[in-house]
């Protein structure tokens, strides 16, 4: 699921250790949302981020760490 306003996605880091649990890994990505013709609202970015998180959860069982 790639929202139309997702301009960049960059993998930054992978971490495995006690804090994330046995058999799991933590992946860090940087996402940049942008439109050429206007500034996005916070609500638009939040909706796009929710779409990405839902797709990752559905497709590969990923969970967002807080």
N, C-alpha and C. Protein backbone atom coordinates (compact mmCIF):
# COMPACT_ATOMS: atom_id res chain seq x y z
N UNK A 1 0.85 -1.17 0.00
CA UNK A 1 0.00 0.00 0.00
C UNK A 1 0.89 1.23 0.00
N UNK A 2 0.90 1.94 -1.09
CA UNK A 2 1.70 3.16 -1.18
C UNK A 2 0.76 4.35 -1.37
N UNK A 3 0.60 5.15 -0.33
CA UNK A 3 -0.22 6.35 -0.48
C UNK A 3 0.37 7.27 -1.55
N UNK A 4 -0.48 7.98 -2.24
CA UNK A 4 -0.04 8.88 -3.32
C UNK A 4 0.92 9.95 -2.82
N UNK A 5 0.81 10.32 -1.55
CA UNK A 5 1.66 11.39 -1.02
C UNK A 5 2.94 10.87 -0.36
N UNK A 6 3.23 9.58 -0.47
CA UNK A 6 4.49 9.03 0.06
C UNK A 6 5.58 9.28 -0.98
N UNK A 7 6.48 10.21 -0.67
CA UNK A 7 7.52 10.61 -1.62
C UNK A 7 8.80 9.81 -1.48
N UNK A 8 9.16 9.43 -0.25
CA UNK A 8 10.41 8.71 0.00
C UNK A 8 10.22 7.70 1.11
N UNK A 9 10.88 6.56 0.96
CA UNK A 9 10.92 5.55 2.02
C UNK A 9 12.36 5.04 2.06
N UNK A 10 13.00 5.19 3.21
CA UNK A 10 14.40 4.82 3.35
C UNK A 10 14.58 3.89 4.54
N UNK A 11 15.21 2.74 4.31
CA UNK A 11 15.54 1.84 5.41
C UNK A 11 16.72 2.43 6.16
N UNK A 12 16.64 2.47 7.50
CA UNK A 12 17.69 3.07 8.31
C UNK A 12 18.46 2.07 9.16
N UNK A 13 17.74 1.14 9.82
CA UNK A 13 18.43 0.31 10.79
C UNK A 13 17.62 -0.95 11.12
N UNK A 14 18.33 -2.02 11.46
CA UNK A 14 17.72 -3.24 11.97
C UNK A 14 18.32 -3.52 13.34
N UNK A 15 17.46 -3.90 14.29
CA UNK A 15 17.95 -4.19 15.64
C UNK A 15 17.33 -5.50 16.11
N UNK A 16 18.15 -6.35 16.72
CA UNK A 16 17.69 -7.58 17.36
C UNK A 16 18.25 -7.56 18.77
N UNK A 17 17.44 -7.89 19.73
CA UNK A 17 17.91 -7.90 21.11
C UNK A 17 16.80 -8.16 22.08
N UNK A 18 17.15 -8.14 23.37
CA UNK A 18 16.19 -8.44 24.43
C UNK A 18 14.96 -7.53 24.39
N UNK A 19 15.17 -6.28 24.07
CA UNK A 19 14.08 -5.31 24.12
C UNK A 19 12.96 -5.60 23.12
N UNK A 20 13.27 -6.30 22.02
CA UNK A 20 12.24 -6.58 21.02
C UNK A 20 11.71 -8.00 21.08
N UNK A 21 12.32 -8.85 21.89
CA UNK A 21 11.82 -10.20 22.08
C UNK A 21 12.51 -11.23 21.20
N UNK A 22 12.47 -12.45 21.67
CA UNK A 22 13.12 -13.56 20.95
C UNK A 22 12.42 -13.81 19.62
N UNK A 23 13.22 -14.01 18.58
CA UNK A 23 12.68 -14.30 17.26
C UNK A 23 12.09 -13.11 16.53
N UNK A 24 12.26 -11.93 17.09
CA UNK A 24 11.73 -10.71 16.45
C UNK A 24 12.87 -9.76 16.15
N UNK A 25 12.58 -8.79 15.29
CA UNK A 25 13.55 -7.73 15.00
C UNK A 25 12.81 -6.41 14.86
N UNK A 26 13.52 -5.36 15.13
CA UNK A 26 12.98 -4.02 15.02
C UNK A 26 13.59 -3.37 13.78
N UNK A 27 12.75 -2.87 12.90
CA UNK A 27 13.22 -2.21 11.69
C UNK A 27 12.84 -0.73 11.76
N UNK A 28 13.78 0.12 11.39
CA UNK A 28 13.57 1.57 11.43
C UNK A 28 13.59 2.09 10.00
N UNK A 29 12.49 2.72 9.59
CA UNK A 29 12.36 3.33 8.27
C UNK A 29 12.07 4.81 8.43
N UNK A 30 12.52 5.58 7.48
CA UNK A 30 12.19 7.00 7.41
C UNK A 30 11.22 7.18 6.24
N UNK A 31 10.07 7.79 6.49
CA UNK A 31 9.08 8.03 5.45
C UNK A 31 8.88 9.53 5.29
N UNK A 32 8.85 10.00 4.06
CA UNK A 32 8.63 11.41 3.77
C UNK A 32 7.36 11.51 2.93
N UNK A 33 6.42 12.29 3.42
CA UNK A 33 5.17 12.52 2.70
C UNK A 33 5.20 13.92 2.10
N UNK A 34 4.79 14.02 0.82
CA UNK A 34 4.87 15.32 0.15
C UNK A 34 3.93 15.33 -1.06
N UNK A 35 3.38 16.49 -1.33
CA UNK A 35 2.66 16.75 -2.57
C UNK A 35 3.34 17.93 -3.25
N UNK A 36 3.37 17.93 -4.56
CA UNK A 36 4.06 18.98 -5.30
C UNK A 36 3.30 20.32 -5.28
N UNK A 37 1.99 20.24 -5.17
CA UNK A 37 1.20 21.46 -5.35
C UNK A 37 0.74 22.14 -4.06
N UNK A 38 0.95 21.47 -2.90
CA UNK A 38 0.49 22.10 -1.66
C UNK A 38 1.10 21.39 -0.45
N UNK A 39 0.96 22.02 0.69
CA UNK A 39 1.42 21.44 1.95
C UNK A 39 0.37 20.47 2.48
N UNK A 40 0.81 19.32 2.92
CA UNK A 40 -0.11 18.34 3.50
C UNK A 40 -0.54 18.77 4.90
N UNK A 41 -1.74 18.40 5.25
CA UNK A 41 -2.20 18.65 6.62
C UNK A 41 -1.73 17.49 7.51
N UNK A 42 -1.74 17.71 8.79
CA UNK A 42 -1.40 16.66 9.74
C UNK A 42 -2.33 15.47 9.61
N UNK A 43 -3.60 15.74 9.36
CA UNK A 43 -4.59 14.67 9.20
C UNK A 43 -4.29 13.82 7.98
N UNK A 44 -3.84 14.43 6.88
CA UNK A 44 -3.49 13.68 5.68
C UNK A 44 -2.28 12.78 5.90
N UNK A 45 -1.31 13.30 6.60
CA UNK A 45 -0.11 12.50 6.91
C UNK A 45 -0.48 11.36 7.85
N UNK A 46 -1.29 11.64 8.87
CA UNK A 46 -1.72 10.61 9.80
C UNK A 46 -2.48 9.49 9.07
N UNK A 47 -3.34 9.86 8.14
CA UNK A 47 -4.12 8.87 7.39
C UNK A 47 -3.20 8.02 6.51
N UNK A 48 -2.23 8.64 5.86
CA UNK A 48 -1.29 7.91 5.02
C UNK A 48 -0.45 6.95 5.87
N UNK A 49 0.00 7.43 7.02
CA UNK A 49 0.80 6.60 7.93
C UNK A 49 -0.03 5.41 8.43
N UNK A 50 -1.29 5.63 8.74
CA UNK A 50 -2.17 4.55 9.19
C UNK A 50 -2.36 3.52 8.09
N UNK A 51 -2.46 3.95 6.84
CA UNK A 51 -2.59 3.04 5.70
C UNK A 51 -1.36 2.15 5.57
N UNK A 52 -0.17 2.75 5.68
CA UNK A 52 1.08 1.99 5.59
C UNK A 52 1.16 0.98 6.74
N UNK A 53 0.87 1.42 7.95
CA UNK A 53 0.94 0.53 9.12
C UNK A 53 -0.06 -0.61 9.02
N UNK A 54 -1.27 -0.32 8.56
CA UNK A 54 -2.29 -1.37 8.42
C UNK A 54 -1.87 -2.39 7.37
N UNK A 55 -1.30 -1.95 6.27
CA UNK A 55 -0.85 -2.87 5.22
C UNK A 55 0.28 -3.76 5.72
N UNK A 56 1.23 -3.18 6.45
CA UNK A 56 2.33 -3.97 7.00
C UNK A 56 1.84 -4.98 8.03
N UNK A 57 0.89 -4.59 8.84
CA UNK A 57 0.31 -5.49 9.83
C UNK A 57 -0.43 -6.64 9.15
N UNK A 58 -1.23 -6.31 8.16
CA UNK A 58 -2.03 -7.30 7.45
C UNK A 58 -1.15 -8.26 6.64
N UNK A 59 -0.17 -7.71 5.93
CA UNK A 59 0.61 -8.50 4.98
C UNK A 59 1.73 -9.31 5.62
N UNK A 60 2.38 -8.75 6.64
CA UNK A 60 3.52 -9.48 7.22
C UNK A 60 3.49 -9.57 8.74
N UNK A 61 2.39 -9.13 9.33
CA UNK A 61 2.26 -9.23 10.79
C UNK A 61 3.10 -8.24 11.58
N UNK A 62 3.51 -7.16 10.94
CA UNK A 62 4.34 -6.14 11.61
C UNK A 62 3.52 -5.41 12.67
N UNK A 63 4.21 -4.94 13.69
CA UNK A 63 3.59 -4.14 14.75
C UNK A 63 4.39 -2.87 14.93
N UNK A 64 3.70 -1.75 15.09
CA UNK A 64 4.33 -0.47 15.33
C UNK A 64 4.76 -0.41 16.79
N UNK A 65 6.04 -0.13 17.02
CA UNK A 65 6.52 0.02 18.40
C UNK A 65 6.22 1.41 18.89
N UNK A 66 5.91 1.52 20.16
CA UNK A 66 5.65 2.85 20.70
C UNK A 66 6.59 3.16 21.83
